[in-house]
Each structure stands twice: as C-alpha cells, then as structure tokens.
Amino acid sequence: MKLKLYMVLLLLMPFLSGCFLLGFGTAKNPEQELFDEIMTAYNNRAYESSIKACEQFLAKYQKSKVKESVMMRMGESFEGLLNRDYHELISKGMEEKKARDSFLTKHGSYHCWEVREEGLRYNKEMFRKLLKENPQSFYADEAMYNLISWEPDYKEDPERVQKEINGLNGVLTQYPTTSLRPKIYFQMGYRFQILYEIYSFAKDQGKRDEIKAKDSFRQAEYLYNLCLNFPEESEYSQKSLRYLDLLRHESRIYIK
C-alpha cells in the first residue's frame, strides 16, 4: 500500500503543483483547491465535508485526470462515516439498533445504506461505478477489494470464510501485480488458519474434517510465507511471522 501511495503521489505531483497536468501556472486553481479540500477533510475524518467536496468535484470536473482518485475517496468517505458514527459506537457498548437509528437520522439522506440482519452496510456504489467506467483504472484493484463483502460473524461456518477467501483471490486473479498483494496474502492466510481450526475443533462434530484441516493448514502456511518475501519491516510481513508462529505452535486464534 505504501508503494502504491508513493506512485499516486508521483502521478499527482504535477496536479498538486498546479502545473503540467491541468495546464495552469503556479497559483492554485479552483480544481486543485477543491481536490486539496477533499484530501484534507478525508485525512481529518471530516467525512461529511469530504463527501460534499467529492460531489462538487465530480459534478464540475467530469473529465479531470484525478476523477478516479476522487471517486475512491468518496467511497472511502462513506465507509469512514459508517465506521466512525456506527461501528465505533457499537464497539464502545451502544446497542446496535440505537446506533443504527442514530446513524440513519444523521446520514440517511445519502440513500446509500443497506440494512441487513447483521447491521448497516455501505452499498459500495462508488466502487462499482469506478470499475464499470474503467476496469483498468489505476484504482481498479482497490475498488474491487472494497467490493468484497466481509462477514461480521463466521458462526463456525466454513462457507462464510471461504466466500471471503474467494473474494480476495478474485482481486489477485484480476490484478496479479496489485500493490495490495502483501495485505491479501496475509488476509487469505489468516482465513485459512480459521478454516483449519473449524475443520479441526468445531463444536459441531459434523464440520470436522481431517483432510480439509490439513489442506487449510498448508494453505495458511504457504500464504504467510509468501508475505515473508516482502520487506521485514512491512506491516503484513510482521503480522504473517507472528501468525505463522501461532499456527505452527497450534495456538488458536478463532475457536478457543
């Protein structure tokens, strides 16, 4: 991810300097100012302001060379808003329905929320739109990653875990050179480790399967080792080393 951010900065450098990309002089222009406003608001978790600025940008500058970057920030702002004003409240002890009602009272006018049995979700409209408009976009891999539907509770159901693995593998298949590889390798390894535990120790004896448990163990080990090929100081290399050690010492991470 750090590599990709560096590449993005290189791409945006002319834009941010107000020169070659937009054909203006050194003085800031309205397009650049609005883009800066989006980034500042997003980085400060002022997601309402970020969304508003994104809407203005996409309406005014439909042919901008940074349009897809703005689309990504808009989708991520909706996700951030949901996390800040819904998930974080629940994690602090608020009852889900109360958090949901509060959230929808404040932000229901965006009309992009899905109410499901497990709670509220963003409908991911902006990520779908980006992929539809340009499947080969510089941000296409990130958009596809953001379309993965995460399970709030596996309920010791191997199919729920496998569904997430399939989504992660789909990003790698579609975009094999993605800069998200370390993150995806780790997340896939982590889920295979969970599968190993389900097939080995599930409370429901009918879900236990020695052959599938061994295969899941091997897959987790393989994917964690792939992560170790990246720089030692990287986030997912360190995580993989830690979880690989837990796996080999049979320290459970899911079924206690």
C-alpha atoms as a PDB file:
ATOM      1  CA  MET A   1       0.000   0.000   0.000  1.00  0.00           C
ATOM      2  CA  LYS A   2       2.855   2.406   0.829  1.00  0.00           C
ATOM      3  CA  LEU A   3       4.343   1.728  -2.611  1.00  0.00           C
ATOM      4  CA  LYS A   4       1.040   2.486  -4.268  1.00  0.00           C
ATOM      5  CA  LEU A   5       0.625   5.707  -2.293  1.00  0.00           C
ATOM      6  CA  TYR A   6       4.099   6.722  -3.422  1.00  0.00           C
ATOM      7  CA  MET A   7       3.165   6.015  -7.037  1.00  0.00           C
ATOM      8  CA  VAL A   8      -0.051   8.013  -6.637  1.00  0.00           C
ATOM      9  CA  LEU A   9       1.901  10.964  -5.292  1.00  0.00           C
ATOM     10  CA  LEU A  10       4.196  10.787  -8.300  1.00  0.00           C
ATOM     11  CA  LEU A  11       1.204  10.791 -10.619  1.00  0.00           C
ATOM     12  CA  LEU A  12      -0.439  13.658  -8.785  1.00  0.00           C
ATOM     13  CA  MET A  13       2.697  15.764  -8.377  1.00  0.00           C
ATOM     14  CA  PRO A  14       2.078  17.875 -11.489  1.00  0.00           C
ATOM     15  CA  PHE A  15      -1.530  18.309 -10.418  1.00  0.00           C
ATOM     16  CA  LEU A  16      -0.629  19.314  -6.900  1.00  0.00           C
ATOM     17  CA  SER A  17       1.968  21.762  -8.120  1.00  0.00           C
ATOM     18  CA  GLY A  18      -0.634  23.405 -10.335  1.00  0.00           C
ATOM     19  CA  CYS A  19       1.406  22.885 -13.486  1.00  0.00           C
ATOM     20  CA  PHE A  20       1.540  20.330 -16.301  1.00  0.00           C
ATOM     21  CA  LEU A  21      -1.472  18.167 -15.512  1.00  0.00           C
ATOM     22  CA  LEU A  22      -4.044  20.933 -15.612  1.00  0.00           C
ATOM     23  CA  GLY A  23      -2.113  23.458 -17.640  1.00  0.00           C
ATOM     24  CA  PHE A  24      -2.175  26.233 -15.041  1.00  0.00           C
ATOM     25  CA  GLY A  25       0.561  28.373 -13.550  1.00  0.00           C
ATOM     26  CA  THR A  26       1.943  28.162 -10.047  1.00  0.00           C
ATOM     27  CA  ALA A  27      -1.116  29.830  -8.473  1.00  0.00           C
ATOM     28  CA  LYS A  28      -3.771  27.474  -7.155  1.00  0.00           C
ATOM     29  CA  ASN A  29      -6.767  26.955  -9.374  1.00  0.00           C
ATOM     30  CA  PRO A  30     -10.317  26.019  -8.287  1.00  0.00           C
ATOM     31  CA  GLU A  31      -9.919  22.365  -9.297  1.00  0.00           C
ATOM     32  CA  GLN A  32      -6.741  21.976  -7.288  1.00  0.00           C
ATOM     33  CA  GLU A  33      -8.233  23.785  -4.304  1.00  0.00           C
ATOM     34  CA  LEU A  34     -11.280  21.537  -4.297  1.00  0.00           C
ATOM     35  CA  PHE A  35      -9.094  18.431  -4.551  1.00  0.00           C
ATOM     36  CA  ASP A  36      -6.985  19.669  -1.630  1.00  0.00           C
ATOM     37  CA  GLU A  37     -10.193  20.269   0.333  1.00  0.00           C
ATOM     38  CA  ILE A  38     -11.262  16.663  -0.268  1.00  0.00           C
ATOM     39  CA  MET A  39      -7.945  15.236   0.906  1.00  0.00           C
ATOM     40  CA  THR A  40      -7.767  17.470   3.988  1.00  0.00           C
ATOM     41  CA  ALA A  41     -11.310  16.610   5.050  1.00  0.00           C
ATOM     42  CA  TYR A  42     -10.783  12.891   4.453  1.00  0.00           C
ATOM     43  CA  ASN A  43      -7.493  12.775   6.368  1.00  0.00           C
ATOM     44  CA  ASN A  44      -9.143  14.609   9.296  1.00  0.00           C
ATOM     45  CA  ARG A  45     -12.077  12.151   9.340  1.00  0.00           C
ATOM     46  CA  ALA A  46     -14.434  15.004   8.412  1.00  0.00           C
ATOM     47  CA  TYR A  47     -16.261  12.604   6.111  1.00  0.00           C
ATOM     48  CA  GLU A  48     -19.372  14.727   5.567  1.00  0.00           C
ATOM     49  CA  SER A  49     -17.195  17.562   4.256  1.00  0.00           C
ATOM     50  CA  SER A  50     -15.190  15.148   2.142  1.00  0.00           C
ATOM     51  CA  ILE A  51     -18.335  13.658   0.569  1.00  0.00           C
ATOM     52  CA  LYS A  52     -19.751  17.111  -0.173  1.00  0.00           C
ATOM     53  CA  ALA A  53     -16.498  18.238  -1.804  1.00  0.00           C
ATOM     54  CA  CYS A  54     -16.324  14.995  -3.825  1.00  0.00           C
ATOM     55  CA  GLU A  55     -19.863  15.543  -5.112  1.00  0.00           C
ATOM     56  CA  GLN A  56     -18.947  19.079  -6.164  1.00  0.00           C
ATOM     57  CA  PHE A  57     -15.742  17.913  -7.830  1.00  0.00           C
ATOM     58  CA  LEU A  58     -17.404  15.123  -9.821  1.00  0.00           C
ATOM     59  CA  ALA A  59     -20.142  17.484 -10.974  1.00  0.00           C
ATOM     60  CA  LYS A  60     -17.731  20.232 -12.070  1.00  0.00           C
ATOM     61  CA  TYR A  61     -14.732  18.294 -13.371  1.00  0.00           C
ATOM     62  CA  GLN A  62     -16.057  15.178 -15.104  1.00  0.00           C
ATOM     63  CA  LYS A  63     -13.008  14.905 -17.375  1.00  0.00           C
ATOM     64  CA  SER A  64     -10.409  15.527 -14.681  1.00  0.00           C
ATOM     65  CA  LYS A  65      -7.365  13.292 -14.655  1.00  0.00           C
ATOM     66  CA  VAL A  66      -7.847  12.784 -10.921  1.00  0.00           C
ATOM     67  CA  LYS A  67     -11.541  11.926 -11.196  1.00  0.00           C
ATOM     68  CA  GLU A  68     -10.959   8.275 -10.268  1.00  0.00           C
ATOM     69  CA  SER A  69      -8.938   9.278  -7.219  1.00  0.00           C
ATOM     70  CA  VAL A  70     -11.875  11.419  -6.110  1.00  0.00           C
ATOM     71  CA  MET A  71     -14.283   8.534  -6.696  1.00  0.00           C
ATOM     72  CA  MET A  72     -12.160   6.317  -4.450  1.00  0.00           C
ATOM     73  CA  ARG A  73     -12.029   8.987  -1.729  1.00  0.00           C
ATOM     74  CA  MET A  74     -15.805   9.395  -1.926  1.00  0.00           C
ATOM     75  CA  GLY A  75     -16.424   5.659  -1.498  1.00  0.00           C
ATOM     76  CA  GLU A  76     -13.891   5.508   1.328  1.00  0.00           C
ATOM     77  CA  SER A  77     -15.524   8.534   2.965  1.00  0.00           C
ATOM     78  CA  PHE A  78     -18.856   6.708   3.088  1.00  0.00           C
ATOM     79  CA  GLU A  79     -17.080   3.706   4.615  1.00  0.00           C
ATOM     80  CA  GLY A  80     -15.321   6.009   7.083  1.00  0.00           C
ATOM     81  CA  LEU A  81     -18.581   7.681   8.046  1.00  0.00           C
ATOM     82  CA  LEU A  82     -20.169   4.292   8.734  1.00  0.00           C
ATOM     83  CA  ASN A  83     -17.212   3.240  10.837  1.00  0.00           C
ATOM     84  CA  ARG A  84     -16.987   6.499  12.807  1.00  0.00           C
ATOM     85  CA  ASP A  85     -20.678   7.035  13.562  1.00  0.00           C
ATOM     86  CA  TYR A  86     -21.928   3.445  13.719  1.00  0.00           C
ATOM     87  CA  HIS A  87     -19.347   0.693  14.219  1.00  0.00           C
ATOM     88  CA  GLU A  88     -17.262   2.663  16.719  1.00  0.00           C
ATOM     89  CA  LEU A  89     -20.356   3.397  18.823  1.00  0.00           C
ATOM     90  CA  ILE A  90     -21.251  -0.291  18.930  1.00  0.00           C
ATOM     91  CA  SER A  91     -17.685  -1.214  19.861  1.00  0.00           C
ATOM     92  CA  LYS A  92     -17.982   1.223  22.779  1.00  0.00           C
ATOM     93  CA  GLY A  93     -21.064  -0.563  24.080  1.00  0.00           C
ATOM     94  CA  MET A  94     -24.032   1.071  22.366  1.00  0.00           C
ATOM     95  CA  GLU A  95     -26.857  -1.270  21.405  1.00  0.00           C
ATOM     96  CA  GLU A  96     -26.880  -1.928  17.637  1.00  0.00           C
ATOM     97  CA  LYS A  97     -30.428  -0.694  16.981  1.00  0.00           C
ATOM     98  CA  LYS A  98     -29.806   2.521  18.890  1.00  0.00           C
ATOM     99  CA  ALA A  99     -26.575   3.112  16.945  1.00  0.00           C
ATOM    100  CA  ARG A 100     -28.340   2.327  13.672  1.00  0.00           C
ATOM    101  CA  ASP A 101     -31.255   4.670  14.389  1.00  0.00           C
ATOM    102  CA  SER A 102     -28.875   7.443  15.385  1.00  0.00           C
ATOM    103  CA  PHE A 103     -26.779   6.926  12.263  1.00  0.00           C
ATOM    104  CA  LEU A 104     -29.730   6.902   9.862  1.00  0.00           C
ATOM    105  CA  THR A 105     -31.197  10.023  11.495  1.00  0.00           C
ATOM    106  CA  LYS A 106     -27.931  11.849  10.785  1.00  0.00           C
ATOM    107  CA  HIS A 107     -26.917  10.302   7.470  1.00  0.00           C
ATOM    108  CA  GLY A 108     -29.947   8.558   5.983  1.00  0.00           C
ATOM    109  CA  SER A 109     -30.297  11.279   3.325  1.00  0.00           C
ATOM    110  CA  TYR A 110     -27.306   9.821   1.451  1.00  0.00           C
ATOM    111  CA  HIS A 111     -29.511   6.858   0.432  1.00  0.00           C
ATOM    112  CA  CYS A 112     -26.546   4.511   0.130  1.00  0.00           C
ATOM    113  CA  TRP A 113     -27.001   2.353   3.224  1.00  0.00           C
ATOM    114  CA  GLU A 114     -28.219  -1.223   3.311  1.00  0.00           C
ATOM    115  CA  VAL A 115     -29.964  -2.546   6.416  1.00  0.00           C
ATOM    116  CA  ARG A 116     -29.138  -6.227   6.801  1.00  0.00           C
ATOM    117  CA  GLU A 117     -29.665  -8.779   9.518  1.00  0.00           C
ATOM    118  CA  GLU A 118     -26.107  -8.260  10.734  1.00  0.00           C
ATOM    119  CA  GLY A 119     -26.356  -4.446  10.654  1.00  0.00           C
ATOM    120  CA  LEU A 120     -25.773  -1.462   8.386  1.00  0.00           C
ATOM    121  CA  ARG A 121     -23.571  -1.562   5.304  1.00  0.00           C
ATOM    122  CA  TYR A 122     -22.499   0.892   2.627  1.00  0.00           C
ATOM    123  CA  ASN A 123     -23.849  -0.230  -0.762  1.00  0.00           C
ATOM    124  CA  LYS A 124     -20.397   0.355  -2.341  1.00  0.00           C
ATOM    125  CA  GLU A 125     -21.948   2.213  -5.265  1.00  0.00           C
ATOM    126  CA  MET A 126     -18.914   4.414  -5.928  1.00  0.00           C
ATOM    127  CA  PHE A 127     -16.517   1.455  -6.166  1.00  0.00           C
ATOM    128  CA  ARG A 128     -18.845  -0.323  -8.599  1.00  0.00           C
ATOM    129  CA  LYS A 129     -19.157   2.811 -10.698  1.00  0.00           C
ATOM    130  CA  LEU A 130     -15.392   3.219 -10.911  1.00  0.00           C
ATOM    131  CA  LEU A 131     -14.916  -0.386 -12.046  1.00  0.00           C
ATOM    132  CA  LYS A 132     -17.727  -0.134 -14.563  1.00  0.00           C
ATOM    133  CA  GLU A 133     -16.336   3.060 -16.108  1.00  0.00           C
ATOM    134  CA  ASN A 134     -12.744   1.845 -16.256  1.00  0.00           C
ATOM    135  CA  PRO A 135     -11.888  -1.762 -15.278  1.00  0.00           C
ATOM    136  CA  GLN A 136      -8.208  -0.983 -15.967  1.00  0.00           C
ATOM    137  CA  SER A 137      -8.127   2.102 -13.775  1.00  0.00           C
ATOM    138  CA  PHE A 138      -5.069   2.684 -11.597  1.00  0.00           C
ATOM    139  CA  TYR A 139      -7.507   2.244  -8.690  1.00  0.00           C
ATOM    140  CA  ALA A 140      -9.404  -0.750 -10.082  1.00  0.00           C
ATOM    141  CA  ASP A 141      -7.707  -3.255  -7.780  1.00  0.00           C
ATOM    142  CA  GLU A 142      -8.566  -1.170  -4.722  1.00  0.00           C
ATOM    143  CA  ALA A 143     -12.138  -0.735  -5.923  1.00  0.00           C
ATOM    144  CA  MET A 144     -12.526  -4.482  -6.429  1.00  0.00           C
ATOM    145  CA  TYR A 145     -11.014  -5.118  -2.994  1.00  0.00           C
ATOM    146  CA  ASN A 146     -13.526  -2.723  -1.463  1.00  0.00           C
ATOM    147  CA  LEU A 147     -16.361  -4.663  -3.081  1.00  0.00           C
ATOM    148  CA  ILE A 148     -15.576  -7.756  -1.009  1.00  0.00           C
ATOM    149  CA  SER A 149     -18.405  -8.486   1.406  1.00  0.00           C
ATOM    150  CA  TRP A 150     -16.995  -9.174   4.868  1.00  0.00           C
ATOM    151  CA  GLU A 151     -18.768 -11.457   7.313  1.00  0.00           C
ATOM    152  CA  PRO A 152     -19.417  -9.940  10.764  1.00  0.00           C
ATOM    153  CA  ASP A 153     -19.607 -13.423  12.312  1.00  0.00           C
ATOM    154  CA  TYR A 154     -18.449 -16.686  10.721  1.00  0.00           C
ATOM    155  CA  LYS A 155     -20.549 -18.762  13.123  1.00  0.00           C
ATOM    156  CA  GLU A 156     -18.067 -21.605  12.591  1.00  0.00           C
ATOM    157  CA  ASP A 157     -19.393 -21.894   9.035  1.00  0.00           C
ATOM    158  CA  PRO A 158     -16.615 -22.776   6.541  1.00  0.00           C
ATOM    159  CA  GLU A 159     -18.637 -21.396   3.620  1.00  0.00           C
ATOM    160  CA  ARG A 160     -18.686 -17.903   5.133  1.00  0.00           C
ATOM    161  CA  VAL A 161     -14.909 -17.950   5.482  1.00  0.00           C
ATOM    162  CA  GLN A 162     -14.410 -19.422   2.007  1.00  0.00           C
ATOM    163  CA  LYS A 163     -16.572 -16.688   0.496  1.00  0.00           C
ATOM    164  CA  GLU A 164     -14.137 -14.047   1.744  1.00  0.00           C
ATOM    165  CA  ILE A 165     -11.157 -16.079   0.523  1.00  0.00           C
ATOM    166  CA  ASN A 166     -12.759 -16.275  -2.930  1.00  0.00           C
ATOM    167  CA  GLY A 167     -13.230 -12.505  -2.964  1.00  0.00           C
ATOM    168  CA  LEU A 168      -9.600 -11.883  -2.023  1.00  0.00           C
ATOM    169  CA  ASN A 169      -8.355 -14.394  -4.576  1.00  0.00           C
ATOM    170  CA  GLY A 170     -10.528 -12.713  -7.196  1.00  0.00           C
ATOM    171  CA  VAL A 171      -8.577  -9.464  -6.764  1.00  0.00           C
ATOM    172  CA  LEU A 172      -5.275 -11.328  -7.227  1.00  0.00           C
ATOM    173  CA  THR A 173      -6.598 -13.145 -10.291  1.00  0.00           C
ATOM    174  CA  GLN A 174      -7.905  -9.981 -11.928  1.00  0.00           C
ATOM    175  CA  TYR A 175      -4.955  -7.782 -10.904  1.00  0.00           C
ATOM    176  CA  PRO A 176      -1.928 -10.069 -10.319  1.00  0.00           C
ATOM    177  CA  THR A 177       0.515  -7.158  -9.925  1.00  0.00           C
ATOM    178  CA  THR A 178      -1.610  -5.280  -7.391  1.00  0.00           C
ATOM    179  CA  SER A 179       0.250  -3.469  -4.633  1.00  0.00           C
ATOM    180  CA  LEU A 180      -2.296  -4.999  -2.245  1.00  0.00           C
ATOM    181  CA  ARG A 181      -0.626  -8.425  -2.522  1.00  0.00           C
ATOM    182  CA  PRO A 182       1.013  -8.451   0.956  1.00  0.00           C
ATOM    183  CA  LYS A 183      -2.272  -7.466   2.585  1.00  0.00           C
ATOM    184  CA  ILE A 184      -4.261 -10.023   0.589  1.00  0.00           C
ATOM    185  CA  TYR A 185      -1.764 -12.837   1.173  1.00  0.00           C
ATOM    186  CA  PHE A 186      -1.966 -12.197   4.907  1.00  0.00           C
ATOM    187  CA  GLN A 187      -5.759 -11.948   4.952  1.00  0.00           C
ATOM    188  CA  MET A 188      -6.107 -15.160   2.958  1.00  0.00           C
ATOM    189  CA  GLY A 189      -3.612 -16.926   5.224  1.00  0.00           C
ATOM    190  CA  TYR A 190      -5.498 -15.710   8.292  1.00  0.00           C
ATOM    191  CA  ARG A 191      -8.771 -17.090   6.925  1.00  0.00           C
ATOM    192  CA  PHE A 192      -7.232 -20.441   6.026  1.00  0.00           C
ATOM    193  CA  GLN A 193      -5.957 -20.568   9.604  1.00  0.00           C
ATOM    194  CA  ILE A 194      -9.550 -20.073  10.763  1.00  0.00           C
ATOM    195  CA  LEU A 195     -10.696 -22.821   8.389  1.00  0.00           C
ATOM    196  CA  TYR A 196      -8.043 -25.104   9.851  1.00  0.00           C
ATOM    197  CA  GLU A 197      -9.474 -24.507  13.314  1.00  0.00           C
ATOM    198  CA  ILE A 198     -13.073 -25.052  12.183  1.00  0.00           C
ATOM    199  CA  TYR A 199     -12.217 -28.322  10.458  1.00  0.00           C
ATOM    200  CA  SER A 200     -10.173 -29.424  13.475  1.00  0.00           C
ATOM    201  CA  PHE A 201     -12.036 -28.139  16.529  1.00  0.00           C
ATOM    202  CA  ALA A 202     -15.573 -27.078  15.537  1.00  0.00           C
ATOM    203  CA  LYS A 203     -18.141 -27.604  18.281  1.00  0.00           C
ATOM    204  CA  ASP A 204     -20.340 -29.205  15.637  1.00  0.00           C
ATOM    205  CA  GLN A 205     -18.588 -32.552  15.102  1.00  0.00           C
ATOM    206  CA  GLY A 206     -20.118 -32.785  11.628  1.00  0.00           C
ATOM    207  CA  LYS A 207     -17.972 -29.863  10.458  1.00  0.00           C
ATOM    208  CA  ARG A 208     -14.719 -31.530  11.421  1.00  0.00           C
ATOM    209  CA  ASP A 209     -12.700 -32.890   8.511  1.00  0.00           C
ATOM    210  CA  GLU A 210      -9.109 -34.054   8.932  1.00  0.00           C
ATOM    211  CA  ILE A 211      -8.224 -33.846   5.227  1.00  0.00           C
ATOM    212  CA  LYS A 212      -9.628 -30.317   4.863  1.00  0.00           C
ATOM    213  CA  ALA A 213      -7.923 -29.298   8.102  1.00  0.00           C
ATOM    214  CA  LYS A 214      -4.513 -30.409   6.797  1.00  0.00           C
ATOM    215  CA  ASP A 215      -5.084 -28.675   3.464  1.00  0.00           C
ATOM    216  CA  SER A 216      -6.146 -25.442   5.207  1.00  0.00           C
ATOM    217  CA  PHE A 217      -3.054 -25.604   7.423  1.00  0.00           C
ATOM    218  CA  ARG A 218      -0.804 -25.947   4.363  1.00  0.00           C
ATOM    219  CA  GLN A 219      -2.556 -23.088   2.562  1.00  0.00           C
ATOM    220  CA  ALA A 220      -2.216 -20.784   5.581  1.00  0.00           C
ATOM    221  CA  GLU A 221       1.467 -21.669   5.968  1.00  0.00           C
ATOM    222  CA  TYR A 222       2.110 -21.100   2.254  1.00  0.00           C
ATOM    223  CA  LEU A 223       0.386 -17.695   2.184  1.00  0.00           C
ATOM    224  CA  TYR A 224       2.113 -16.457   5.331  1.00  0.00           C
ATOM    225  CA  ASN A 225       5.442 -17.464   3.790  1.00  0.00           C
ATOM    226  CA  LEU A 226       4.584 -15.502   0.645  1.00  0.00           C
ATOM    227  CA  CYS A 227       4.174 -12.457   2.872  1.00  0.00           C
ATOM    228  CA  LEU A 228       7.624 -13.016   4.327  1.00  0.00           C
ATOM    229  CA  ASN A 229       9.090 -12.381   0.864  1.00  0.00           C
ATOM    230  CA  PHE A 230       8.277  -8.711   1.354  1.00  0.00           C
ATOM    231  CA  PRO A 231      10.470  -6.368   3.435  1.00  0.00           C
ATOM    232  CA  GLU A 232      10.756  -7.495   7.055  1.00  0.00           C
ATOM    233  CA  GLU A 233       9.652  -4.116   8.366  1.00  0.00           C
ATOM    234  CA  SER A 234       6.412  -4.149   6.379  1.00  0.00           C
ATOM    235  CA  GLU A 235       3.188  -4.427   8.368  1.00  0.00           C
ATOM    236  CA  TYR A 236       1.966  -7.659   6.828  1.00  0.00           C
ATOM    237  CA  SER A 237       5.343  -9.356   6.875  1.00  0.00           C
ATOM    238  CA  GLN A 238       5.469  -8.846  10.639  1.00  0.00           C
ATOM    239  CA  LYS A 239       1.883  -9.992  11.086  1.00  0.00           C
ATOM    240  CA  SER A 240       2.493 -13.085   8.988  1.00  0.00           C
ATOM    241  CA  LEU A 241       5.540 -14.019  11.051  1.00  0.00           C
ATOM    242  CA  ARG A 242       3.506 -13.727  14.239  1.00  0.00           C
ATOM    243  CA  TYR A 243       0.526 -15.737  12.990  1.00  0.00           C
ATOM    244  CA  LEU A 244       2.735 -18.345  11.339  1.00  0.00           C
ATOM    245  CA  ASP A 245       4.294 -18.927  14.733  1.00  0.00           C
ATOM    246  CA  LEU A 246       0.830 -19.276  16.308  1.00  0.00           C
ATOM    247  CA  LEU A 247      -0.195 -21.709  13.566  1.00  0.00           C
ATOM    248  CA  ARG A 248       2.849 -23.942  13.976  1.00  0.00           C
ATOM    249  CA  HIS A 249       2.509 -23.970  17.758  1.00  0.00           C
ATOM    250  CA  GLU A 250      -1.213 -24.728  17.493  1.00  0.00           C
ATOM    251  CA  SER A 251      -2.192 -21.558  19.353  1.00  0.00           C
ATOM    252  CA  ARG A 252      -5.769 -20.931  18.329  1.00  0.00           C
ATOM    253  CA  ILE A 253      -6.955 -17.569  17.002  1.00  0.00           C
ATOM    254  CA  TYR A 254     -10.633 -18.349  16.440  1.00  0.00           C
ATOM    255  CA  ILE A 255     -12.008 -21.360  18.303  1.00  0.00           C
ATOM    256  CA  LYS A 256     -10.955 -21.112  21.940  1.00  0.00           C
END
